[in-house]
Amino acid sequence: MGLESLVYATLNPVMTGLLRSPIHGIASRNLCLLTYRGRRSGRTITTPLSFMREGNTVRLLTSQRTRWWLNFRDAPADVELEIARQHFRGRARAITEDGDRYRDGIRRFLTAVPRDAPVYGIQLDKQRRPREESLAKAAGHVVLVEVELLDPPKGAHERES
């Protein structure tokens, strides 16, 4: 197991517990829990991720080195998001091809969550917005996942089992 995998294996359960706890507010402003079914294993998997939301669209970023986004590469897939202890059903789609939608999604994400820019090697300008030349280099190693929310949130105590 590589160092990066070891770090995630250690931190993910801690962050999941925190995001589901009464003190979630210290982390839930830009962190959510994404739950999906593994495309090959069929297992239900939950992972904490940075996010940004605009209306019914939630954007997530990841590196192509990770594997979870492959579940949404070939076709949209059903997911559940937990944001600030509210549960949402959605359809997730991975976007890897460079183009207007890809760059705009990454631009919007990193403008909302600028702390993640260094993770993806994207430089910010003085207004903390992604530099266009950095966005051009993102294709090939950054994956944008867009989740379209399907219904109003289910409260933390109304969650379906």
C-alpha atoms as a PDB file:
ATOM      1  CA  MET A   1       0.000   0.000   0.000  1.00  0.00           C
ATOM      2  CA  GLY A   2       1.449   3.373  -1.033  1.00  0.00           C
ATOM      3  CA  LEU A   3       1.782   6.311   1.336  1.00  0.00           C
ATOM      4  CA  GLU A   4      -1.144   8.166  -0.261  1.00  0.00           C
ATOM      5  CA  SER A   5      -3.395   5.107   0.083  1.00  0.00           C
ATOM      6  CA  LEU A   6      -2.305   4.640   3.698  1.00  0.00           C
ATOM      7  CA  VAL A   7      -3.123   8.276   4.511  1.00  0.00           C
ATOM      8  CA  TYR A   8      -6.598   7.964   2.977  1.00  0.00           C
ATOM      9  CA  ALA A   9      -7.219   4.595   4.656  1.00  0.00           C
ATOM     10  CA  THR A  10      -6.424   6.268   7.983  1.00  0.00           C
ATOM     11  CA  LEU A  11      -8.173   9.616   7.488  1.00  0.00           C
ATOM     12  CA  ASN A  12     -11.351   8.542   5.667  1.00  0.00           C
ATOM     13  CA  PRO A  13     -12.940   6.684   8.628  1.00  0.00           C
ATOM     14  CA  VAL A  14     -12.067   9.584  10.946  1.00  0.00           C
ATOM     15  CA  MET A  15     -13.587  12.156   8.573  1.00  0.00           C
ATOM     16  CA  THR A  16     -16.655   9.977   7.967  1.00  0.00           C
ATOM     17  CA  GLY A  17     -17.239   9.763  11.720  1.00  0.00           C
ATOM     18  CA  LEU A  18     -16.765  13.505  12.132  1.00  0.00           C
ATOM     19  CA  LEU A  19     -19.135  14.367   9.262  1.00  0.00           C
ATOM     20  CA  ARG A  20     -21.826  12.120  10.776  1.00  0.00           C
ATOM     21  CA  SER A  21     -21.398  13.493  14.293  1.00  0.00           C
ATOM     22  CA  PRO A  22     -23.158  16.392  16.041  1.00  0.00           C
ATOM     23  CA  ILE A  23     -19.954  18.455  15.617  1.00  0.00           C
ATOM     24  CA  HIS A  24     -19.927  18.001  11.816  1.00  0.00           C
ATOM     25  CA  GLY A  25     -20.062  21.777  11.338  1.00  0.00           C
ATOM     26  CA  ILE A  26     -16.304  22.110  11.780  1.00  0.00           C
ATOM     27  CA  ALA A  27     -15.786  20.147   8.547  1.00  0.00           C
ATOM     28  CA  SER A  28     -19.057  20.039   6.600  1.00  0.00           C
ATOM     29  CA  ARG A  29     -18.791  23.446   4.935  1.00  0.00           C
ATOM     30  CA  ASN A  30     -16.751  21.965   2.056  1.00  0.00           C
ATOM     31  CA  LEU A  31     -16.683  18.235   2.886  1.00  0.00           C
ATOM     32  CA  CYS A  32     -19.423  15.743   2.102  1.00  0.00           C
ATOM     33  CA  LEU A  33     -19.886  11.986   2.083  1.00  0.00           C
ATOM     34  CA  LEU A  34     -20.445  10.288  -1.266  1.00  0.00           C
ATOM     35  CA  THR A  35     -22.035   6.825  -1.183  1.00  0.00           C
ATOM     36  CA  TYR A  36     -22.136   4.679  -4.317  1.00  0.00           C
ATOM     37  CA  ARG A  37     -22.177   1.038  -5.414  1.00  0.00           C
ATOM     38  CA  GLY A  38     -18.909  -0.350  -6.738  1.00  0.00           C
ATOM     39  CA  ARG A  39     -19.214  -1.179 -10.436  1.00  0.00           C
ATOM     40  CA  ARG A  40     -17.393  -4.508 -10.123  1.00  0.00           C
ATOM     41  CA  SER A  41     -17.748  -5.476  -6.465  1.00  0.00           C
ATOM     42  CA  GLY A  42     -21.344  -4.352  -6.021  1.00  0.00           C
ATOM     43  CA  ARG A  43     -20.357  -3.183  -2.525  1.00  0.00           C
ATOM     44  CA  THR A  44     -21.706   0.040  -1.053  1.00  0.00           C
ATOM     45  CA  ILE A  45     -18.808   2.456  -0.586  1.00  0.00           C
ATOM     46  CA  THR A  46     -18.777   5.773   1.287  1.00  0.00           C
ATOM     47  CA  THR A  47     -15.947   8.269   0.958  1.00  0.00           C
ATOM     48  CA  PRO A  48     -15.470  11.822   2.263  1.00  0.00           C
ATOM     49  CA  LEU A  49     -14.724  14.393  -0.441  1.00  0.00           C
ATOM     50  CA  SER A  50     -14.386  18.130  -0.902  1.00  0.00           C
ATOM     51  CA  PHE A  51     -17.407  19.553  -2.713  1.00  0.00           C
ATOM     52  CA  MET A  52     -19.093  22.689  -3.919  1.00  0.00           C
ATOM     53  CA  ARG A  53     -22.780  23.088  -4.648  1.00  0.00           C
ATOM     54  CA  GLU A  54     -24.694  25.354  -7.006  1.00  0.00           C
ATOM     55  CA  GLY A  55     -28.425  24.721  -6.889  1.00  0.00           C
ATOM     56  CA  ASN A  56     -29.029  21.080  -7.811  1.00  0.00           C
ATOM     57  CA  THR A  57     -25.470  20.505  -9.039  1.00  0.00           C
ATOM     58  CA  VAL A  58     -22.721  19.276  -6.728  1.00  0.00           C
ATOM     59  CA  ARG A  59     -19.169  19.198  -8.060  1.00  0.00           C
ATOM     60  CA  LEU A  60     -16.348  16.984  -6.840  1.00  0.00           C
ATOM     61  CA  LEU A  61     -12.733  16.815  -8.024  1.00  0.00           C
ATOM     62  CA  THR A  62     -10.284  13.957  -7.894  1.00  0.00           C
ATOM     63  CA  SER A  63      -7.058  12.785  -9.426  1.00  0.00           C
ATOM     64  CA  GLN A  64      -7.119  10.129 -12.129  1.00  0.00           C
ATOM     65  CA  ARG A  65      -4.848   8.114  -9.798  1.00  0.00           C
ATOM     66  CA  THR A  66      -7.845   7.454  -7.543  1.00  0.00           C
ATOM     67  CA  ARG A  67     -10.287   4.765  -8.629  1.00  0.00           C
ATOM     68  CA  TRP A  68     -13.698   5.772  -7.246  1.00  0.00           C
ATOM     69  CA  TRP A  69     -14.576   8.043 -10.180  1.00  0.00           C
ATOM     70  CA  LEU A  70     -14.423   5.096 -12.600  1.00  0.00           C
ATOM     71  CA  ASN A  71     -17.873   4.123 -11.309  1.00  0.00           C
ATOM     72  CA  PHE A  72     -19.253   7.160 -13.178  1.00  0.00           C
ATOM     73  CA  ARG A  73     -17.037   7.166 -16.277  1.00  0.00           C
ATOM     74  CA  ASP A  74     -19.108   5.171 -18.758  1.00  0.00           C
ATOM     75  CA  ALA A  75     -22.593   6.231 -17.677  1.00  0.00           C
ATOM     76  CA  PRO A  76     -24.223   8.261 -14.915  1.00  0.00           C
ATOM     77  CA  ALA A  77     -24.766   6.267 -11.731  1.00  0.00           C
ATOM     78  CA  ASP A  78     -27.039   6.631  -8.729  1.00  0.00           C
ATOM     79  CA  VAL A  79     -25.364   8.008  -5.614  1.00  0.00           C
ATOM     80  CA  GLU A  80     -26.248   9.437  -2.246  1.00  0.00           C
ATOM     81  CA  LEU A  81     -24.613  12.557  -0.852  1.00  0.00           C
ATOM     82  CA  GLU A  82     -24.575  13.522   2.781  1.00  0.00           C
ATOM     83  CA  ILE A  83     -24.005  17.256   3.154  1.00  0.00           C
ATOM     84  CA  ALA A  84     -24.129  18.730   6.651  1.00  0.00           C
ATOM     85  CA  ARG A  85     -26.056  15.630   7.794  1.00  0.00           C
ATOM     86  CA  GLN A  86     -28.705  16.059   5.104  1.00  0.00           C
ATOM     87  CA  HIS A  87     -29.122  13.217   2.608  1.00  0.00           C
ATOM     88  CA  PHE A  88     -29.609  13.699  -1.127  1.00  0.00           C
ATOM     89  CA  ARG A  89     -30.102  11.224  -3.947  1.00  0.00           C
ATOM     90  CA  GLY A  90     -28.329  12.061  -7.175  1.00  0.00           C
ATOM     91  CA  ARG A  91     -26.854  10.915 -10.482  1.00  0.00           C
ATOM     92  CA  ALA A  92     -23.085  11.223 -10.823  1.00  0.00           C
ATOM     93  CA  ARG A  93     -21.119  11.570 -14.059  1.00  0.00           C
ATOM     94  CA  ALA A  94     -17.340  11.759 -14.449  1.00  0.00           C
ATOM     95  CA  ILE A  95     -16.010  14.331 -16.914  1.00  0.00           C
ATOM     96  CA  THR A  96     -12.433  13.849 -18.093  1.00  0.00           C
ATOM     97  CA  GLU A  97     -12.404  15.393 -21.549  1.00  0.00           C
ATOM     98  CA  ASP A  98     -11.049  18.914 -21.846  1.00  0.00           C
ATOM     99  CA  GLY A  99     -13.693  21.376 -22.964  1.00  0.00           C
ATOM    100  CA  ASP A 100     -15.879  24.226 -21.758  1.00  0.00           C
ATOM    101  CA  ARG A 101     -17.943  22.131 -19.307  1.00  0.00           C
ATOM    102  CA  TYR A 102     -14.808  20.507 -17.848  1.00  0.00           C
ATOM    103  CA  ARG A 103     -12.882  23.762 -17.401  1.00  0.00           C
ATOM    104  CA  ASP A 104     -15.904  25.667 -16.130  1.00  0.00           C
ATOM    105  CA  GLY A 105     -16.647  22.962 -13.562  1.00  0.00           C
ATOM    106  CA  ILE A 106     -13.062  22.910 -12.299  1.00  0.00           C
ATOM    107  CA  ARG A 107     -12.965  26.722 -12.280  1.00  0.00           C
ATOM    108  CA  ARG A 108     -16.176  26.906 -10.225  1.00  0.00           C
ATOM    109  CA  PHE A 109     -14.997  24.197  -7.832  1.00  0.00           C
ATOM    110  CA  LEU A 110     -11.588  25.747  -7.150  1.00  0.00           C
ATOM    111  CA  THR A 111     -13.021  29.258  -6.829  1.00  0.00           C
ATOM    112  CA  ALA A 112     -15.297  27.883  -4.092  1.00  0.00           C
ATOM    113  CA  VAL A 113     -12.651  25.579  -2.546  1.00  0.00           C
ATOM    114  CA  PRO A 114      -9.284  27.219  -3.338  1.00  0.00           C
ATOM    115  CA  ARG A 115      -7.447  25.171  -0.698  1.00  0.00           C
ATOM    116  CA  ASP A 116      -7.694  22.162  -3.058  1.00  0.00           C
ATOM    117  CA  ALA A 117      -5.882  23.842  -5.980  1.00  0.00           C
ATOM    118  CA  PRO A 118      -2.362  22.731  -4.915  1.00  0.00           C
ATOM    119  CA  VAL A 119      -3.555  19.114  -4.672  1.00  0.00           C
ATOM    120  CA  TYR A 120      -4.237  19.199  -8.419  1.00  0.00           C
ATOM    121  CA  GLY A 121      -1.254  21.357  -9.390  1.00  0.00           C
ATOM    122  CA  ILE A 122      -3.490  24.241 -10.433  1.00  0.00           C
ATOM    123  CA  GLN A 123      -2.225  27.742  -9.753  1.00  0.00           C
ATOM    124  CA  LEU A 124      -4.508  30.535  -8.587  1.00  0.00           C
ATOM    125  CA  ASP A 125      -4.336  34.211  -9.511  1.00  0.00           C
ATOM    126  CA  LYS A 126      -4.348  37.073  -6.994  1.00  0.00           C
ATOM    127  CA  GLN A 127      -8.154  36.861  -6.694  1.00  0.00           C
ATOM    128  CA  ARG A 128      -7.792  33.140  -5.799  1.00  0.00           C
ATOM    129  CA  ARG A 129      -9.281  31.961  -9.095  1.00  0.00           C
ATOM    130  CA  PRO A 130      -7.666  29.227 -11.223  1.00  0.00           C
ATOM    131  CA  ARG A 131      -5.227  30.471 -13.855  1.00  0.00           C
ATOM    132  CA  GLU A 132      -6.379  29.539 -17.353  1.00  0.00           C
ATOM    133  CA  GLU A 133      -2.997  28.072 -18.299  1.00  0.00           C
ATOM    134  CA  SER A 134      -3.225  25.781 -15.256  1.00  0.00           C
ATOM    135  CA  LEU A 135      -6.715  24.672 -16.257  1.00  0.00           C
ATOM    136  CA  ALA A 136      -5.389  23.747 -19.691  1.00  0.00           C
ATOM    137  CA  LYS A 137      -2.873  21.422 -18.030  1.00  0.00           C
ATOM    138  CA  ALA A 138      -5.508  19.791 -15.795  1.00  0.00           C
ATOM    139  CA  ALA A 139      -6.889  17.531 -18.519  1.00  0.00           C
ATOM    140  CA  GLY A 140      -5.241  14.174 -18.291  1.00  0.00           C
ATOM    141  CA  HIS A 141      -4.864  14.127 -14.525  1.00  0.00           C
ATOM    142  CA  VAL A 142      -7.900  15.861 -12.937  1.00  0.00           C
ATOM    143  CA  VAL A 143     -11.391  14.375 -12.998  1.00  0.00           C
ATOM    144  CA  LEU A 144     -14.521  16.471 -12.518  1.00  0.00           C
ATOM    145  CA  VAL A 145     -17.523  14.588 -11.137  1.00  0.00           C
ATOM    146  CA  GLU A 146     -20.874  16.334 -11.359  1.00  0.00           C
ATOM    147  CA  VAL A 147     -23.811  15.097  -9.315  1.00  0.00           C
ATOM    148  CA  GLU A 148     -27.281  16.231 -10.285  1.00  0.00           C
ATOM    149  CA  LEU A 149     -29.496  16.108  -7.186  1.00  0.00           C
ATOM    150  CA  LEU A 150     -32.798  14.334  -7.781  1.00  0.00           C
ATOM    151  CA  ASP A 151     -34.957  15.331  -4.833  1.00  0.00           C
ATOM    152  CA  PRO A 152     -35.150  17.542  -1.773  1.00  0.00           C
ATOM    153  CA  PRO A 153     -32.954  16.540   1.171  1.00  0.00           C
ATOM    154  CA  LYS A 154     -33.960  13.885   3.626  1.00  0.00           C
ATOM    155  CA  GLY A 155     -33.188  15.121   7.138  1.00  0.00           C
ATOM    156  CA  ALA A 156     -30.620  13.310   9.229  1.00  0.00           C
ATOM    157  CA  HIS A 157     -33.378  11.583  11.165  1.00  0.00           C
ATOM    158  CA  GLU A 158     -35.524  10.743   8.109  1.00  0.00           C
ATOM    159  CA  ARG A 159     -32.815   8.798   6.261  1.00  0.00           C
ATOM    160  CA  GLU A 160     -33.990   5.744   4.365  1.00  0.00           C
ATOM    161  CA  SER A 161     -32.338   2.496   5.432  1.00  0.00           C
END
